[in-house]
């Protein structure tokens, strides 16, 4: 079975290990076993199991040593980790959680308890590992991981859907972040404005994406202004819901930190492009960024965006952008049809030299 989930059992007691392995295999899991922590770490690195169940008190390398080593390894740090403990002492459990464990099972335990713990961790891992911008269900899934079906129901009952017209401002730079947004329909840009009222587009967002959360994570005011690029419908998520979402689940917090890190990387690349790239390269990169963001792989996709917005994305003067687009058309890199831009040669645009 190609989709068979794999479990790594690290347990020094042979009887317990074999009993657990038999229960899991009968339930459809592929099981790897290790009699000590050292062998367990080696198997985890080799096989990248879907979940690890590990005893705490073991010879050679104990459970704390195992999770410490796995957390240091980039290829294994995100594998769900369940501790087995013979003592339900708060200090011991707390130490395990602080080291990065996701759950624990207290010995003696039943087969049902073992299977339930594993299924729960696998479900939450699947939800968090899904592309976070896969639709409103993506947010709903994250709510489930935190508060269960009741929290989802409450969210669904209280959800506020806000509609914005093209060019309507959603929030303004230096405003206080009282809510986060999720795009159900439409497109959104964020931008900064200098003292001369010149804009620089700082972000483009599509259906199924979150925005407006950076200021809440940083506990600052909005760093830019958000504006609808077309008729747009947004699910408005109150600050309290967002804080509950990230404060009660480390996997969800990790996902938003990943998004934040991606935003920082994109901004750094954008600044480097604006500072050092030629005009042709800037315009080509702006076209490709929009194409990759909104085309969804459709080769017939047309870029329907104002020349002013395109210039703000590229960090170029509008007049210079228009001349460059005309050059690109003459070179058959793009076509312009009733104002819309069609990319004819994505490879050549990507490989333009400065």
Protein backbone atom coordinates (compact mmCIF):
# COMPACT_ATOMS: atom_id res chain seq x y z
CA UNK A 1 0.00 0.00 0.00
CA UNK A 2 1.72 3.17 -1.21
CA UNK A 3 0.06 5.42 1.35
CA UNK A 4 0.86 3.18 4.31
CA UNK A 5 1.98 5.30 7.24
CA UNK A 6 5.24 4.40 8.96
CA UNK A 7 5.87 4.32 12.71
CA UNK A 8 9.22 4.09 14.46
CA UNK A 9 9.09 2.43 17.91
CA UNK A 10 12.06 3.05 20.20
CA UNK A 11 11.66 0.88 23.30
CA UNK A 12 14.22 -1.18 25.23
CA UNK A 13 11.68 -3.62 26.72
CA UNK A 14 11.38 -6.41 24.14
CA UNK A 15 7.92 -7.58 25.21
CA UNK A 16 6.44 -4.08 25.10
CA UNK A 17 8.16 -3.37 21.79
CA UNK A 18 6.88 -6.53 20.12
CA UNK A 19 3.37 -6.07 21.49
CA UNK A 20 3.18 -2.48 20.24
CA UNK A 21 4.58 -3.49 16.87
CA UNK A 22 1.98 -6.24 16.46
CA UNK A 23 -0.90 -3.90 17.33
CA UNK A 24 0.28 -1.29 14.85
CA UNK A 25 0.93 -3.73 12.04
CA UNK A 26 -2.53 -5.22 12.49
CA UNK A 27 -3.89 -1.66 12.17
CA UNK A 28 -2.20 -1.13 8.81
CA UNK A 29 1.00 0.66 9.78
CA UNK A 30 4.50 -0.19 8.60
CA UNK A 31 6.64 -0.43 11.73
CA UNK A 32 10.36 0.02 12.36
CA UNK A 33 11.69 -0.89 15.80
CA UNK A 34 14.81 -0.01 17.78
CA UNK A 35 15.91 -1.41 21.19
CA UNK A 36 17.73 1.78 22.22
CA UNK A 37 17.93 5.47 21.47
CA UNK A 38 21.12 5.31 19.41
CA UNK A 39 19.66 2.78 16.97
CA UNK A 40 16.41 4.73 16.97
CA UNK A 41 18.06 7.95 15.82
CA UNK A 42 19.82 6.09 13.00
CA UNK A 43 16.52 4.54 11.83
CA UNK A 44 14.73 7.90 12.03
CA UNK A 45 17.36 9.56 9.83
CA UNK A 46 17.32 6.65 7.37
CA UNK A 47 13.57 6.08 7.01
CA UNK A 48 11.96 9.45 7.95
CA UNK A 49 8.93 7.78 9.58
CA UNK A 50 5.58 9.56 9.76
CA UNK A 51 5.57 9.38 13.57
CA UNK A 52 7.99 8.30 16.31
CA UNK A 53 6.99 6.64 19.60
CA UNK A 54 9.90 6.66 22.04
CA UNK A 55 10.45 5.47 25.61
CA UNK A 56 12.12 7.95 27.95
CA UNK A 57 14.19 5.67 30.20
CA UNK A 58 16.54 3.60 27.99
CA UNK A 59 20.17 2.52 27.99
CA UNK A 60 22.82 3.90 25.59
CA UNK A 61 20.77 7.02 24.74
CA UNK A 62 17.58 7.97 26.60
CA UNK A 63 14.48 9.52 25.08
CA UNK A 64 15.56 13.05 25.92
CA UNK A 65 18.80 12.46 24.02
CA UNK A 66 16.87 11.03 21.07
CA UNK A 67 14.57 14.03 20.66
CA UNK A 68 17.49 16.42 21.19
CA UNK A 69 19.40 14.82 18.31
CA UNK A 70 16.34 14.63 16.04
CA UNK A 71 15.48 18.29 16.68
CA UNK A 72 18.98 19.28 15.56
CA UNK A 73 18.56 17.40 12.27
CA UNK A 74 16.58 19.38 9.69
CA UNK A 75 15.28 16.21 8.02
CA UNK A 76 13.75 14.83 11.24
CA UNK A 77 12.85 17.82 13.41
CA UNK A 78 9.25 18.03 12.17
CA UNK A 79 8.38 14.34 12.60
CA UNK A 80 5.59 14.00 15.23
CA UNK A 81 7.15 12.63 18.42
CA UNK A 82 5.31 10.77 21.20
CA UNK A 83 7.02 9.92 24.47
CA UNK A 84 6.34 6.76 26.47
CA UNK A 85 6.71 7.34 30.19
CA UNK A 86 6.24 5.05 33.16
CA UNK A 87 5.82 8.03 35.45
CA UNK A 88 3.06 10.55 34.96
CA UNK A 89 5.12 13.18 36.74
CA UNK A 90 4.51 16.72 35.61
CA UNK A 91 8.20 17.67 35.57
CA UNK A 92 9.12 14.72 33.35
CA UNK A 93 6.29 15.38 30.90
CA UNK A 94 7.05 19.09 30.85
CA UNK A 95 10.71 18.47 30.09
CA UNK A 96 9.75 16.28 27.16
CA UNK A 97 7.35 18.90 25.77
CA UNK A 98 9.95 21.66 26.13
CA UNK A 99 12.38 19.55 24.13
CA UNK A 100 9.85 19.32 21.29
CA UNK A 101 7.64 16.28 22.00
CA UNK A 102 4.10 16.50 20.63
CA UNK A 103 2.40 14.07 23.00
CA UNK A 104 3.03 11.42 25.63
CA UNK A 105 1.51 8.08 26.68
CA UNK A 106 1.73 6.87 30.26
CA UNK A 107 2.53 3.20 30.91
CA UNK A 108 0.64 0.97 31.26
CA UNK A 109 -1.49 1.84 28.25
CA UNK A 110 -4.03 0.03 26.08
CA UNK A 111 -3.79 -0.63 22.36
CA UNK A 112 -6.64 1.82 21.85
CA UNK A 113 -4.73 4.58 23.66
CA UNK A 114 -1.65 3.91 21.52
CA UNK A 115 -3.59 3.95 18.24
CA UNK A 116 -5.58 7.04 19.26
CA UNK A 117 -2.42 9.01 20.12
CA UNK A 118 -0.74 8.06 16.83
CA UNK A 119 -3.82 8.79 14.70
CA UNK A 120 -4.26 12.19 16.37
CA UNK A 121 -0.65 13.20 15.75
CA UNK A 122 -0.76 12.00 12.13
CA UNK A 123 -4.01 13.88 11.49
CA UNK A 124 -2.64 17.13 12.92
CA UNK A 125 0.63 16.70 11.01
CA UNK A 126 -1.30 16.19 7.76
CA UNK A 127 -3.41 19.28 8.38
CA UNK A 128 -0.44 21.50 9.19
CA UNK A 129 1.70 20.14 6.35
CA UNK A 130 -0.96 20.86 3.76
CA UNK A 131 -0.39 23.97 1.73
CA UNK A 132 -1.75 26.60 4.09
CA UNK A 133 -3.27 28.55 1.21
CA UNK A 134 -5.41 25.71 -0.11
CA UNK A 135 -8.73 27.45 0.49
CA UNK A 136 -10.88 28.46 3.43
CA UNK A 137 -10.79 24.80 4.47
CA UNK A 138 -7.11 25.39 5.23
CA UNK A 139 -8.01 27.85 7.97
CA UNK A 140 -10.79 25.59 9.18
CA UNK A 141 -8.35 22.68 9.41
CA UNK A 142 -6.02 24.76 11.53
CA UNK A 143 -8.90 25.70 13.82
CA UNK A 144 -9.68 22.01 14.25
CA UNK A 145 -6.11 21.30 15.34
CA UNK A 146 -6.49 23.88 18.10
CA UNK A 147 -10.03 23.68 19.39
CA UNK A 148 -11.79 20.84 17.64
CA UNK A 149 -15.12 20.83 15.86
CA UNK A 150 -16.81 23.13 18.39
CA UNK A 151 -14.25 25.89 17.75
CA UNK A 152 -14.79 25.44 14.04
CA UNK A 153 -18.56 25.72 14.46
CA UNK A 154 -18.20 28.90 16.51
CA UNK A 155 -15.89 30.37 13.91
CA UNK A 156 -18.26 29.46 11.08
CA UNK A 157 -21.24 30.99 12.91
CA UNK A 158 -19.46 34.27 13.62
CA UNK A 159 -17.53 34.68 10.40
CA UNK A 160 -17.67 38.11 8.83
CA UNK A 161 -17.27 38.24 5.06
CA UNK A 162 -16.19 41.67 3.86
CA UNK A 163 -16.49 42.75 0.22
CA UNK A 164 -14.15 45.30 -1.35
CA UNK A 165 -14.34 47.06 -4.69
CA UNK A 166 -11.39 47.41 -7.03
CA UNK A 167 -8.85 49.93 -5.63
CA UNK A 168 -10.59 50.01 -2.25
CA UNK A 169 -8.23 50.16 0.72
CA UNK A 170 -8.53 47.22 3.15
CA UNK A 171 -6.16 48.59 5.80
CA UNK A 172 -3.74 51.51 5.88
CA UNK A 173 -0.06 51.77 6.76
CA UNK A 174 0.54 52.57 10.46
CA UNK A 175 -2.95 51.36 11.36
CA UNK A 176 -3.46 49.03 14.33
CA UNK A 177 -3.89 45.34 13.40
CA UNK A 178 -7.20 44.23 14.88
CA UNK A 179 -7.80 41.45 12.35
CA UNK A 180 -6.22 39.11 9.82
CA UNK A 181 -7.65 38.45 6.36
CA UNK A 182 -8.21 35.40 4.19
CA UNK A 183 -8.97 35.87 0.49
CA UNK A 184 -12.03 33.90 -0.57
CA UNK A 185 -12.28 35.63 -3.93
CA UNK A 186 -10.17 38.21 -5.74
CA UNK A 187 -6.66 39.61 -5.56
CA UNK A 188 -4.93 41.99 -3.15
CA UNK A 189 -1.75 44.03 -3.21
CA UNK A 190 0.16 45.63 -0.34
CA UNK A 191 2.31 48.70 -0.90
CA UNK A 192 4.32 51.42 0.77
CA UNK A 193 4.28 55.09 -0.20
CA UNK A 194 7.16 57.55 0.12
CA UNK A 195 6.98 61.29 0.85
CA UNK A 196 6.49 62.01 -2.85
CA UNK A 197 3.45 59.68 -2.97
CA UNK A 198 5.36 57.15 -5.06
CA UNK A 199 4.25 53.56 -4.45
CA UNK A 200 6.29 50.38 -4.14
CA UNK A 201 4.30 47.14 -4.16
CA UNK A 202 5.47 44.95 -1.27
CA UNK A 203 3.22 41.93 -1.74
CA UNK A 204 0.73 40.21 -4.03
CA UNK A 205 -1.94 37.88 -2.63
CA UNK A 206 -4.27 35.46 -4.33
CA UNK A 207 -7.42 33.49 -3.47
CA UNK A 208 -6.83 31.13 -0.55
CA UNK A 209 -4.05 33.19 1.05
CA UNK A 210 -3.74 34.92 4.40
CA UNK A 211 -2.43 38.46 4.79
CA UNK A 212 -2.28 41.09 7.51
CA UNK A 213 -0.83 38.70 10.10
CA UNK A 214 2.75 40.03 10.10
CA UNK A 215 1.91 43.09 12.20
CA UNK A 216 0.09 40.90 14.72
CA UNK A 217 3.03 38.51 14.99
CA UNK A 218 5.38 41.46 15.48
CA UNK A 219 2.89 43.31 17.72
CA UNK A 220 3.38 46.49 15.69
CA UNK A 221 1.28 48.64 13.36
CA UNK A 222 0.78 47.72 9.71
CA UNK A 223 3.97 48.33 7.73
CA UNK A 224 2.13 48.84 4.44
CA UNK A 225 -1.29 49.47 2.92
CA UNK A 226 -3.51 46.71 1.52
CA UNK A 227 -5.73 47.37 -1.50
CA UNK A 228 -8.04 45.22 -3.61
CA UNK A 229 -6.79 44.74 -7.18
CA UNK A 230 -10.27 43.66 -8.27
CA UNK A 231 -13.64 42.82 -6.73
CA UNK A 232 -12.58 40.93 -3.61
CA UNK A 233 -14.24 38.97 -0.79
CA UNK A 234 -12.35 38.47 2.47
CA UNK A 235 -12.97 36.33 5.52
CA UNK A 236 -12.18 38.62 8.45
CA UNK A 237 -10.47 36.80 11.34
CA UNK A 238 -10.42 38.75 14.63
CA UNK A 239 -7.12 39.22 16.40
CA UNK A 240 -8.29 37.15 19.38
CA UNK A 241 -9.00 34.14 17.12
CA UNK A 242 -5.61 34.47 15.49
CA UNK A 243 -3.79 34.69 18.81
CA UNK A 244 -5.69 31.65 20.09
CA UNK A 245 -4.75 29.81 16.91
CA UNK A 246 -1.00 30.37 17.24
CA UNK A 247 -0.68 30.33 21.03
CA UNK A 248 -2.28 26.93 21.52
CA UNK A 249 -0.51 24.91 18.85
CA UNK A 250 3.21 24.99 18.15
CA UNK A 251 2.74 23.46 14.68
CA UNK A 252 0.43 26.27 13.65
CA UNK A 253 2.86 28.85 15.05
CA UNK A 254 5.66 27.16 13.10
CA UNK A 255 3.63 27.37 9.89
CA UNK A 256 3.03 31.10 10.31
CA UNK A 257 6.71 31.62 11.14
CA UNK A 258 7.54 29.83 7.89
CA UNK A 259 5.19 32.16 6.04
CA UNK A 260 6.81 35.13 7.77
CA UNK A 261 10.28 33.89 6.82
CA UNK A 262 9.17 33.46 3.21
CA UNK A 263 7.87 37.03 3.23
CA UNK A 264 11.22 38.32 4.51
CA UNK A 265 13.11 36.37 1.82
CA UNK A 266 10.83 37.70 -0.92
CA UNK A 267 11.28 41.26 0.32
CA UNK A 268 15.07 40.87 0.39
CA UNK A 269 15.09 39.57 -3.18
CA UNK A 270 12.78 42.38 -4.28
CA UNK A 271 15.06 45.03 -2.75
CA UNK A 272 18.14 43.51 -4.39
CA UNK A 273 16.36 43.43 -7.76
CA UNK A 274 15.30 47.06 -7.49
CA UNK A 275 18.73 48.19 -6.34
CA UNK A 276 20.92 46.32 -8.79
CA UNK A 277 18.94 44.98 -11.74
CA UNK A 278 18.67 46.72 -15.08
CA UNK A 279 15.32 48.15 -16.17
CA UNK A 280 14.73 45.23 -18.55
CA UNK A 281 15.47 42.70 -15.84
CA UNK A 282 13.21 44.47 -13.33
CA UNK A 283 10.28 44.50 -15.73
CA UNK A 284 10.84 40.88 -16.73
CA UNK A 285 10.99 39.79 -13.09
CA UNK A 286 7.79 41.72 -12.30
CA UNK A 287 5.94 40.04 -15.19
CA UNK A 288 7.16 36.60 -14.13
CA UNK A 289 6.25 37.22 -10.49
CA UNK A 290 2.66 38.07 -11.46
CA UNK A 291 2.47 35.15 -13.89
CA UNK A 292 3.70 32.65 -11.29
CA UNK A 293 1.43 34.11 -8.62
CA UNK A 294 -1.85 34.14 -10.52
CA UNK A 295 -1.62 31.89 -13.60
CA UNK A 296 -2.00 28.59 -11.73
CA UNK A 297 0.01 26.96 -14.52
CA UNK A 298 -2.37 28.12 -17.27
CA UNK A 299 -0.19 28.98 -20.33
CA UNK A 300 -3.02 31.09 -21.77
CA UNK A 301 -3.14 33.31 -18.68
CA UNK A 302 -3.18 37.04 -19.41
CA UNK A 303 -1.80 39.65 -17.05
CA UNK A 304 -4.59 42.13 -16.47
CA UNK A 305 -2.95 44.79 -14.33
CA UNK A 306 -2.62 48.53 -14.68
CA UNK A 307 0.69 49.86 -15.98
CA UNK A 308 0.96 51.93 -12.83
CA UNK A 309 0.68 48.85 -10.59
CA UNK A 310 3.11 46.92 -12.78
CA UNK A 311 5.60 49.81 -12.55
CA UNK A 312 5.21 49.87 -8.77
CA UNK A 313 5.92 46.13 -8.60
CA UNK A 314 8.99 46.49 -10.79
CA UNK A 315 10.23 49.60 -8.97
CA UNK A 316 10.39 51.55 -12.24
CA UNK A 317 8.89 54.72 -13.69
CA UNK A 318 5.63 54.14 -15.56
CA UNK A 319 6.97 55.68 -18.79
CA UNK A 320 10.10 53.49 -18.68
CA UNK A 321 7.98 50.42 -18.06
CA UNK A 322 5.77 51.13 -21.07
CA UNK A 323 8.82 51.51 -23.35
CA UNK A 324 10.27 48.26 -22.05
CA UNK A 325 7.01 46.40 -22.63
CA UNK A 326 7.02 47.70 -26.20
CA UNK A 327 10.58 46.38 -26.64
CA UNK A 328 9.59 43.00 -25.22
CA UNK A 329 6.69 42.86 -27.66
CA UNK A 330 8.98 43.61 -30.61
CA UNK A 331 11.30 40.85 -29.40
CA UNK A 332 8.32 38.47 -29.22
CA UNK A 333 8.85 37.85 -25.52
CA UNK A 334 5.31 39.04 -24.78
CA UNK A 335 2.18 40.05 -26.63
CA UNK A 336 -0.24 42.82 -25.66
CA UNK A 337 -3.89 42.15 -26.41
CA UNK A 338 -6.40 44.86 -25.56
CA UNK A 339 -4.10 46.06 -22.81
CA UNK A 340 -3.56 42.62 -21.29
CA UNK A 341 -0.08 41.09 -21.35
CA UNK A 342 0.53 37.53 -22.57
CA UNK A 343 3.90 35.93 -21.89
CA UNK A 344 5.14 34.21 -25.05
CA UNK A 345 8.60 33.11 -23.96
CA UNK A 346 8.85 32.55 -20.21
CA UNK A 347 12.31 30.95 -20.50
CA UNK A 348 13.88 33.92 -22.29
CA UNK A 349 12.30 36.37 -19.86
CA UNK A 350 13.73 34.35 -16.96
CA UNK A 351 17.19 34.29 -18.50
CA UNK A 352 17.49 37.98 -19.35
CA UNK A 353 20.88 39.27 -18.27
CA UNK A 354 21.49 42.58 -16.56
